[in-house]
Protein backbone atom coordinates (compact mmCIF):
# COMPACT_ATOMS: atom_id res chain seq x y z
CA MET A 1 -9.82 -10.13 26.35
CA THR A 2 -12.06 -11.80 28.94
CA GLY A 3 -15.83 -11.43 29.15
CA ARG A 4 -15.46 -9.61 32.48
CA ALA A 5 -13.10 -7.07 30.89
CA PHE A 6 -15.59 -6.51 28.05
CA LYS A 7 -18.36 -5.84 30.55
CA ARG A 8 -16.21 -3.35 32.44
CA LEU A 9 -15.38 -1.55 29.21
CA ALA A 10 -19.05 -1.35 28.25
CA LEU A 11 -20.03 -0.02 31.70
CA ALA A 12 -17.33 2.63 31.59
CA LEU A 13 -18.47 3.79 28.17
CA VAL A 14 -22.09 3.97 29.28
CA LEU A 15 -21.14 6.20 32.22
CA LEU A 16 -18.95 8.35 29.98
CA GLY A 17 -21.76 8.85 27.48
CA VAL A 18 -24.26 9.81 30.16
CA LEU A 19 -21.93 12.16 32.04
CA THR A 20 -20.57 14.03 29.03
CA GLY A 21 -23.81 14.25 27.10
CA ALA A 22 -21.88 13.55 23.90
CA ARG A 23 -23.73 14.06 20.65
CA ASP A 24 -21.52 11.90 18.48
CA PRO A 25 -21.16 8.14 18.98
CA ILE A 26 -18.34 7.08 21.27
CA LEU A 27 -15.95 4.67 19.59
CA VAL A 28 -13.06 3.09 21.52
CA PRO A 29 -10.89 0.66 19.52
CA GLU A 30 -8.17 -1.63 20.88
CA VAL A 31 -5.89 -4.38 19.56
CA SER A 32 -4.71 -7.56 21.24
CA GLN A 33 -1.06 -6.64 20.77
CA HIS A 34 0.50 -3.30 19.92
CA GLU A 35 3.81 -4.86 18.98
CA VAL A 36 4.46 -7.88 16.77
CA ARG A 37 7.99 -9.25 16.98
CA VAL A 38 9.35 -11.01 13.90
CA ARG A 39 12.12 -13.44 14.67
CA GLN A 40 13.55 -16.59 13.09
CA GLY A 41 10.79 -19.13 12.51
CA PHE A 42 8.02 -16.51 12.54
CA THR A 43 4.95 -18.10 10.90
CA GLY A 44 2.53 -15.20 11.19
CA THR A 45 0.13 -14.14 13.90
CA GLU A 46 -3.51 -13.26 14.47
CA LEU A 47 -4.56 -9.80 15.60
CA LEU A 48 -7.75 -9.31 17.58
CA LEU A 49 -9.27 -5.87 17.02
CA PHE A 50 -11.99 -5.12 19.51
CA GLY A 51 -13.75 -2.29 21.28
CA ALA A 52 -17.15 -0.74 21.84
CA ILE A 53 -19.49 1.76 20.25
CA LEU A 54 -22.12 3.65 22.19
CA ASP A 55 -24.89 5.88 20.89
CA PRO A 56 -25.23 9.48 22.20
CA ALA A 57 -27.89 8.47 24.74
CA GLY A 58 -25.48 6.08 26.43
CA SER A 59 -27.47 2.98 25.46
CA ARG A 60 -26.96 0.04 23.12
CA ALA A 61 -25.68 0.76 19.62
CA ALA A 62 -25.44 -2.52 17.72
CA GLN A 63 -28.87 -2.24 16.06
CA ASP A 64 -28.18 1.26 14.84
CA TYR A 65 -24.56 1.05 13.74
CA ASP A 66 -22.44 -1.13 11.51
CA VAL A 67 -18.71 -1.48 12.11
CA VAL A 68 -15.95 -1.61 9.49
CA VAL A 69 -12.29 -2.19 10.41
CA VAL A 70 -9.44 -1.35 8.00
CA LEU A 71 -5.91 -2.52 8.82
CA LYS A 72 -3.15 -1.07 6.64
CA GLY A 73 0.59 -1.68 6.56
CA PRO A 74 3.30 0.81 5.55
CA SER A 75 2.96 2.13 2.00
CA GLN A 76 5.70 1.56 -0.53
CA PRO A 77 6.40 2.35 -4.21
CA ILE A 78 5.86 -0.63 -6.52
CA ARG A 79 6.68 -1.23 -10.18
CA LEU A 80 4.43 -3.85 -11.73
CA ARG A 81 5.50 -5.53 -14.97
CA GLU A 82 3.34 -7.48 -17.37
CA LYS A 83 4.69 -10.60 -19.07
CA ALA A 84 4.15 -11.24 -22.77
CA ARG A 85 4.97 -14.32 -24.87
CA VAL A 86 7.20 -13.42 -27.81
CA GLY A 87 8.73 -16.08 -30.04
CA GLY A 88 8.03 -18.80 -27.51
CA MET A 89 9.65 -16.85 -24.68
CA TRP A 90 8.12 -14.88 -21.81
CA ILE A 91 9.56 -11.36 -21.58
CA ASN A 92 8.71 -8.17 -19.72
CA ALA A 93 6.27 -6.03 -21.68
CA ALA A 94 4.23 -3.11 -20.34
CA SER A 95 4.80 -1.80 -16.83
CA THR A 96 3.36 0.77 -14.46
CA ASP A 97 4.42 2.40 -11.20
CA PHE A 98 2.40 2.90 -8.04
CA ARG A 99 3.65 5.60 -5.72
CA SER A 100 2.15 4.40 -2.42
CA ALA A 101 0.69 0.91 -2.43
CA PRO A 102 0.05 -0.48 1.08
CA SER A 103 2.27 -3.45 1.89
CA PHE A 104 -0.67 -4.98 3.77
CA PHE A 105 -4.39 -4.27 3.56
CA ALA A 106 -7.30 -5.98 5.30
CA VAL A 107 -10.96 -5.07 5.67
CA ALA A 108 -13.47 -6.67 8.02
CA ALA A 109 -17.10 -5.58 8.28
CA SER A 110 -20.22 -6.49 10.21
CA ARG A 111 -22.13 -6.84 6.93
CA PRO A 112 -21.21 -6.76 3.23
CA VAL A 113 -20.02 -3.22 2.47
CA PRO A 114 -22.52 -2.63 -0.41
CA LYS A 115 -25.31 -3.11 2.16
CA ILE A 116 -23.71 -0.57 4.52
CA VAL A 117 -22.61 2.37 2.33
CA ASP A 118 -22.78 3.47 -1.29
CA GLU A 119 -19.84 3.05 -3.67
CA ARG A 120 -18.68 6.65 -3.30
CA THR A 121 -18.44 6.41 0.48
CA ALA A 122 -16.70 3.04 0.22
CA ALA A 123 -14.12 4.59 -2.13
CA ILE A 124 -13.47 7.53 0.21
CA TYR A 125 -12.75 5.31 3.21
CA GLU A 126 -11.22 2.38 1.27
CA PHE A 127 -13.82 -0.15 2.41
CA GLY A 128 -12.47 -3.00 0.29
CA THR A 129 -9.64 -4.05 -2.00
CA ASP A 130 -11.52 -2.54 -4.96
CA PHE A 131 -11.08 0.88 -3.36
CA ILE A 132 -7.40 0.86 -2.36
CA GLN A 133 -5.77 4.19 -3.21
CA LEU A 134 -2.64 3.09 -5.06
CA SER A 135 -1.54 6.50 -6.48
CA PRO A 136 -0.34 5.51 -10.00
CA THR A 137 2.32 7.68 -11.63
CA GLY A 138 3.11 8.74 -15.17
CA GLU A 139 0.72 8.83 -18.11
CA ILE A 140 -2.45 7.01 -17.14
CA ASN A 141 -4.58 5.02 -19.55
CA PRO A 142 -7.78 4.18 -17.62
CA VAL A 143 -8.24 0.74 -19.21
CA GLU A 144 -4.60 -0.25 -18.82
CA GLN A 145 -4.46 1.14 -15.28
CA ALA A 146 -7.52 -0.86 -14.25
CA ARG A 147 -5.83 -4.02 -15.57
CA PHE A 148 -2.62 -3.37 -13.64
CA THR A 149 -4.52 -2.47 -10.48
CA SER A 150 -6.54 -5.66 -10.69
CA GLY A 151 -3.35 -7.65 -11.27
CA LEU A 152 -1.61 -6.12 -8.26
CA VAL A 153 -4.57 -6.72 -5.96
CA ASP A 154 -4.89 -10.32 -7.16
CA LEU A 155 -1.16 -10.93 -6.61
CA LYS A 156 -1.25 -9.49 -3.09
CA ARG A 157 -4.43 -11.41 -2.30
CA ARG A 158 -2.82 -14.72 -3.28
CA GLN A 159 0.13 -13.86 -1.04
CA GLY A 160 -2.26 -13.28 1.87
CA LEU A 161 -1.31 -9.59 2.06
CA TYR A 162 -4.66 -8.20 0.87
CA GLN A 163 -7.74 -9.57 2.63
CA GLU A 164 -11.49 -9.02 2.83
CA ASP A 165 -13.99 -10.49 5.27
CA MET A 166 -17.45 -9.04 4.85
CA SER A 167 -18.73 -10.84 7.95
CA GLY A 168 -15.56 -10.61 9.98
CA VAL A 169 -16.81 -8.13 12.60
CA LYS A 170 -18.87 -9.75 15.34
CA ILE A 171 -21.07 -7.48 17.47
CA SER A 172 -22.18 -8.80 20.85
CA GLY A 173 -24.24 -7.40 23.66
CA GLN A 174 -25.45 -4.71 21.26
CA VAL A 175 -22.37 -2.67 22.20
CA LEU A 176 -19.11 -4.61 21.81
CA TYR A 177 -17.41 -5.64 18.57
CA GLN A 178 -14.41 -7.76 17.62
CA ALA A 179 -12.62 -8.82 14.45
CA ARG A 180 -9.73 -11.20 13.82
CA ILE A 181 -7.18 -10.51 11.08
CA ASN A 182 -4.27 -12.79 10.16
CA LEU A 183 -0.82 -11.36 9.53
CA PRO A 184 1.17 -13.78 7.32
CA SER A 185 4.84 -14.52 7.84
CA SER A 186 5.77 -12.29 4.89
CA VAL A 187 4.49 -9.04 6.43
CA GLN A 188 6.82 -6.07 6.27
CA THR A 189 8.06 -4.26 9.32
CA GLY A 190 6.77 -0.82 10.22
CA THR A 191 3.75 0.88 11.73
CA TYR A 192 0.33 -0.60 10.93
CA THR A 193 -2.83 1.46 11.42
CA ALA A 194 -6.08 -0.18 12.50
CA GLU A 195 -8.90 2.26 11.78
CA THR A 196 -12.41 1.47 13.00
CA PHE A 197 -15.48 3.13 11.49
CA ALA A 198 -19.01 3.32 12.83
CA VAL A 199 -21.62 3.61 10.07
CA ALA A 200 -25.28 4.56 10.44
CA ARG A 201 -27.80 4.95 7.60
CA GLY A 202 -25.06 4.84 4.97
CA ARG A 203 -22.92 7.52 6.63
CA VAL A 204 -19.69 7.25 8.63
CA VAL A 205 -20.52 8.84 11.98
CA ALA A 206 -17.38 8.02 13.99
CA SER A 207 -13.87 6.70 13.49
CA ALA A 208 -10.84 5.97 15.65
CA ILE A 209 -7.32 4.65 15.09
CA ALA A 210 -5.10 2.20 16.94
CA GLU A 211 -1.53 1.36 15.91
CA VAL A 212 0.47 -1.86 15.75
CA GLU A 213 4.24 -1.90 15.39
CA VAL A 214 5.75 -4.83 13.48
CA ARG A 215 9.50 -5.08 13.98
CA LYS A 216 12.27 -7.60 13.65
CA VAL A 217 14.24 -8.74 16.68
CA GLY A 218 17.38 -10.78 17.22
CA PHE A 219 19.63 -11.71 14.28
CA GLU A 220 16.97 -10.65 11.74
CA ARG A 221 16.99 -7.15 13.26
CA PHE A 222 20.80 -7.01 13.04
CA VAL A 223 20.73 -7.96 9.34
CA GLU A 224 18.01 -5.38 8.60
CA VAL A 225 19.87 -2.54 10.34
CA PHE A 226 23.18 -3.54 8.74
CA ALA A 227 21.60 -3.58 5.27
CA GLN A 228 20.09 -0.13 5.80
CA GLN A 229 23.06 1.60 7.40
CA GLN A 230 25.89 -0.17 5.53
CA SER A 231 24.30 -0.93 2.19
CA PHE A 232 27.60 -1.03 0.26
CA PHE A 233 29.28 -3.50 2.61
CA TYR A 234 26.05 -5.52 2.86
CA GLY A 235 25.94 -5.85 -0.93
CA LEU A 236 29.65 -6.73 -1.03
CA LEU A 237 29.16 -9.38 1.64
CA ALA A 238 26.14 -10.83 -0.16
CA VAL A 239 28.07 -11.10 -3.44
CA SER A 240 31.06 -12.65 -1.66
CA LEU A 241 28.86 -15.23 0.06
CA SER A 242 27.19 -16.10 -3.25
CA ILE A 243 30.55 -16.59 -4.97
CA GLY A 244 31.87 -18.60 -2.04
CA MET A 245 28.84 -20.87 -1.90
CA GLY A 246 29.04 -21.39 -5.66
CA TRP A 247 32.72 -22.31 -5.45
CA ILE A 248 32.07 -24.75 -2.59
CA ALA A 249 29.19 -26.35 -4.47
CA GLY A 250 31.37 -26.72 -7.56
CA ARG A 251 34.13 -28.41 -5.57
CA LEU A 252 31.68 -30.82 -3.96
CA PHE A 253 30.21 -31.83 -7.32
CA ALA A 254 33.72 -32.27 -8.73
CA LEU A 255 34.53 -34.75 -5.96
CA ILE A 256 31.42 -36.86 -6.58
């Protein structure tokens, strides 16, 4: 978004605040692209989340408010297994299930979250990977659950799917904000929600949501739809291809 467009947005929000006499802060979020197309050779993309926040008087807001942006991908059930070494071999040991772990999770803030809100507020709004609501199932042992949760977050973080940037929100002109979040090539398709929060004196005073749709196109889309709608034939085709490729590889090695 150009500087001229930012200025127009700020001016419009100032006029809106003055004319409506709003008591709550005005928060208008936007994203650089509402649709991300995943095709062959997709290497990831960068999302720009931007917007403006205005105080009730229609004047600057940057000195009075902090901004936290949370981008979440579609939730999915996950079974996490722990490896154990038995007799010189690594085997599956304990496991746990999470009912709704986000496939992608990123947080960007104008300052470190502990300097913005207390731990309880951060947990309510999921201001960080330590506060992701994973919804474990079954019998829960607090110590064991904490270990599995930490392991899942660490795994996702190393894959680039869980991110934190405690100085990732830049506020300019005492009104406008922007944050950049990278989507890796391994992101799942579905609807992503970008929720922006305005925080003042340790309290969330405004929030707004923008959505981003990540979808496959071209041949990748055809394969995805075929696998979902014709799962039996997709599995049969996959097995047949595996057997065929194995047979061809065997013949080639036999000729060498």
